[in-house]
Protein backbone atom coordinates (compact mmCIF):
# COMPACT_ATOMS: atom_id res chain seq x y z
CA UNK A 1 -0.01 0.02 -0.01
CA UNK A 2 1.21 3.42 -0.83
CA UNK A 3 2.36 5.61 2.13
CA UNK A 4 0.16 8.54 0.97
CA UNK A 5 -2.95 6.36 0.92
CA UNK A 6 -2.09 4.93 4.35
CA UNK A 7 -1.66 8.37 5.84
CA UNK A 8 -4.92 9.57 4.26
CA UNK A 9 -6.80 6.53 5.45
CA UNK A 10 -5.45 6.96 8.97
CA UNK A 11 -6.45 10.63 8.91
CA UNK A 12 -9.95 9.73 7.71
CA UNK A 13 -10.24 7.17 10.46
CA UNK A 14 -9.03 9.65 13.04
CA UNK A 15 -11.59 12.27 12.00
CA UNK A 16 -14.38 9.65 11.85
CA UNK A 17 -13.61 8.50 15.43
CA UNK A 18 -13.53 12.14 16.60
CA UNK A 19 -16.81 13.04 14.87
CA UNK A 20 -18.43 9.83 16.13
CA UNK A 21 -17.37 10.43 19.80
CA UNK A 22 -18.51 14.05 19.49
CA UNK A 23 -21.88 13.15 18.01
CA UNK A 24 -22.44 10.50 20.69
CA UNK A 25 -21.19 12.30 23.78
CA UNK A 26 -22.86 15.68 23.45
CA UNK A 27 -26.43 14.47 23.08
CA UNK A 28 -25.88 12.26 26.13
CA UNK A 29 -24.48 15.14 28.08
CA UNK A 30 -27.37 17.43 27.11
CA UNK A 31 -29.86 14.69 27.84
CA UNK A 32 -28.41 14.18 31.32
CA UNK A 33 -28.35 17.88 32.13
CA UNK A 34 -32.00 18.39 31.09
CA UNK A 35 -33.18 15.05 32.64
CA UNK A 36 -34.47 13.85 29.33
CA UNK A 37 -35.87 10.28 28.98
CA UNK A 38 -33.74 7.78 27.15
CA UNK A 39 -36.09 7.97 24.13
CA UNK A 40 -35.53 11.70 23.72
CA UNK A 41 -31.76 11.24 24.07
CA UNK A 42 -31.76 8.55 21.34
CA UNK A 43 -33.89 10.85 19.12
CA UNK A 44 -31.45 13.70 19.72
CA UNK A 45 -28.52 11.41 18.90
CA UNK A 46 -30.25 10.26 15.65
CA UNK A 47 -30.90 13.86 14.63
CA UNK A 48 -27.28 14.76 15.48
CA UNK A 49 -26.00 11.96 13.20
CA UNK A 50 -28.28 13.08 10.40
CA UNK A 51 -27.19 16.75 10.70
CA UNK A 52 -23.48 15.78 10.91
CA UNK A 53 -23.79 13.62 7.83
CA UNK A 54 -25.66 16.17 5.75
CA UNK A 55 -23.46 19.05 6.80
CA UNK A 56 -20.30 17.10 6.11
CA UNK A 57 -21.51 16.26 2.57
CA UNK A 58 -22.61 19.85 1.88
CA UNK A 59 -19.22 21.17 3.10
CA UNK A 60 -17.34 18.65 0.92
CA UNK A 61 -19.36 19.52 -2.19
CA UNK A 62 -20.12 23.24 -1.94
CA UNK A 63 -18.37 24.53 1.12
CA UNK A 64 -14.86 25.13 2.28
CA UNK A 65 -13.65 21.56 1.65
CA UNK A 66 -11.38 21.63 4.62
CA UNK A 67 -11.16 18.74 7.14
CA UNK A 68 -13.06 20.55 9.82
CA UNK A 69 -15.41 18.67 12.11
CA UNK A 70 -18.93 19.64 11.04
CA UNK A 71 -20.72 18.42 14.11
CA UNK A 72 -22.00 19.58 17.39
CA UNK A 73 -19.90 22.30 19.00
CA UNK A 74 -18.72 21.48 22.49
CA UNK A 75 -18.38 25.15 23.30
CA UNK A 76 -22.16 25.50 23.31
CA UNK A 77 -22.62 22.81 25.96
CA UNK A 78 -21.49 25.15 28.75
CA UNK A 79 -24.06 27.72 27.60
CA UNK A 80 -26.77 25.07 27.46
CA UNK A 81 -25.83 23.89 30.93
CA UNK A 82 -25.92 27.41 32.40
CA UNK A 83 -29.22 28.36 30.80
CA UNK A 84 -30.75 25.02 31.63
CA UNK A 85 -29.85 25.28 35.33
CA UNK A 86 -31.09 28.91 35.47
CA UNK A 87 -34.36 27.95 33.82
CA UNK A 88 -34.93 24.95 36.08
CA UNK A 89 -34.27 27.06 39.18
CA UNK A 90 -36.88 29.47 37.94
CA UNK A 91 -39.39 26.66 37.53
CA UNK A 92 -39.39 26.45 33.76
CA UNK A 93 -39.49 23.09 32.00
CA UNK A 94 -36.39 21.74 30.36
CA UNK A 95 -38.23 21.08 27.16
CA UNK A 96 -39.28 24.69 26.76
CA UNK A 97 -35.69 25.86 27.39
CA UNK A 98 -34.30 23.43 24.81
CA UNK A 99 -36.94 24.57 22.23
CA UNK A 100 -35.94 28.18 22.83
CA UNK A 101 -32.21 27.37 22.44
CA UNK A 102 -32.90 25.39 19.33
CA UNK A 103 -34.93 28.25 17.84
CA UNK A 104 -32.18 30.73 18.61
CA UNK A 105 -29.57 28.49 17.00
CA UNK A 106 -31.75 28.08 13.88
CA UNK A 107 -32.30 31.87 13.59
CA UNK A 108 -28.56 32.57 14.03
CA UNK A 109 -27.76 29.92 11.41
CA UNK A 110 -30.18 31.53 8.97
CA UNK A 111 -28.69 34.97 9.71
CA UNK A 112 -25.16 33.71 9.19
CA UNK A 113 -26.20 32.05 5.95
CA UNK A 114 -27.78 35.31 4.68
CA UNK A 115 -24.68 37.29 5.67
CA UNK A 116 -22.43 34.80 3.85
CA UNK A 117 -24.51 34.73 0.70
CA UNK A 118 -24.87 38.57 0.47
CA UNK A 119 -21.19 39.20 1.22
CA UNK A 120 -21.89 41.42 4.16
CA UNK A 121 -19.45 39.46 6.33
CA UNK A 122 -16.51 41.39 4.87
CA UNK A 123 -18.08 44.65 5.92
CA UNK A 124 -18.72 43.34 9.43
CA UNK A 125 -15.14 42.01 9.75
CA UNK A 126 -13.87 45.63 9.53
CA UNK A 127 -15.40 46.25 12.93
CA UNK A 128 -13.42 43.44 14.57
CA UNK A 129 -9.88 44.90 14.51
CA UNK A 130 -7.03 43.12 16.21
CA UNK A 131 -7.52 45.43 19.21
CA UNK A 132 -11.16 44.30 19.64
CA UNK A 133 -10.31 40.67 19.17
CA UNK A 134 -7.29 40.81 21.47
CA UNK A 135 -9.26 42.56 24.21
CA UNK A 136 -12.06 40.00 23.96
CA UNK A 137 -9.60 37.12 24.22
CA UNK A 138 -7.74 38.72 27.19
CA UNK A 139 -11.01 39.26 29.11
CA UNK A 140 -12.17 35.71 28.27
CA UNK A 141 -8.81 34.27 29.50
CA UNK A 142 -9.01 36.27 32.74
CA UNK A 143 -12.60 35.18 33.45
CA UNK A 144 -11.92 31.52 32.77
CA UNK A 145 -8.66 31.45 34.76
CA UNK A 146 -10.48 32.30 37.95
CA UNK A 147 -12.89 29.40 37.50
CA UNK A 148 -9.98 27.10 36.47
CA UNK A 149 -7.89 27.97 39.50
CA UNK A 150 -10.78 27.57 41.95
CA UNK A 151 -11.58 24.18 40.37
CA UNK A 152 -7.90 23.08 40.60
CA UNK A 153 -7.62 24.13 44.19
CA UNK A 154 -10.90 22.50 45.18
CA UNK A 155 -12.57 25.76 46.20
CA UNK A 156 -16.41 25.82 46.13
CA UNK A 157 -18.25 29.07 45.68
CA UNK A 158 -16.82 31.74 47.95
CA UNK A 159 -14.89 29.33 50.19
CA UNK A 160 -11.36 30.35 51.07
CA UNK A 161 -10.09 26.93 52.01
CA UNK A 162 -9.80 23.80 49.83
CA UNK A 163 -12.73 21.35 49.96
CA UNK A 164 -10.99 17.92 50.18
């Protein structure tokens, strides 16, 4: 077997395993957070596989054609967790919160699609200078480092001593 084909096959297998793990893990995590029944988790997983497959084919035919994981974004899980916990503490149902989040993601996807088709993205990018981006990343790193350090030291809430 040619070395090029071996490397390509290995890379394909690696991306497949990553996408598979991502498409399996995130619906299970979301289902556990929102206390969904197993039937709803399996339905969410099936829909995730469908969307991952369709989006991967669309990206390979018409899109950027780069080997980027077109699947669920793990960065949204933390937002879903926070909003889900806040909503449940306020007495709202988990299903209503998930429907609102889903609607928001659909609307933002449509907006992003329209911005991409019309070419308005290039005009918007002028607003995000390196100073704006750098400031945002610095503030984000500072906010996350406090949470990270508290978690590493075992501090809970406003406690000043480690919780062993």
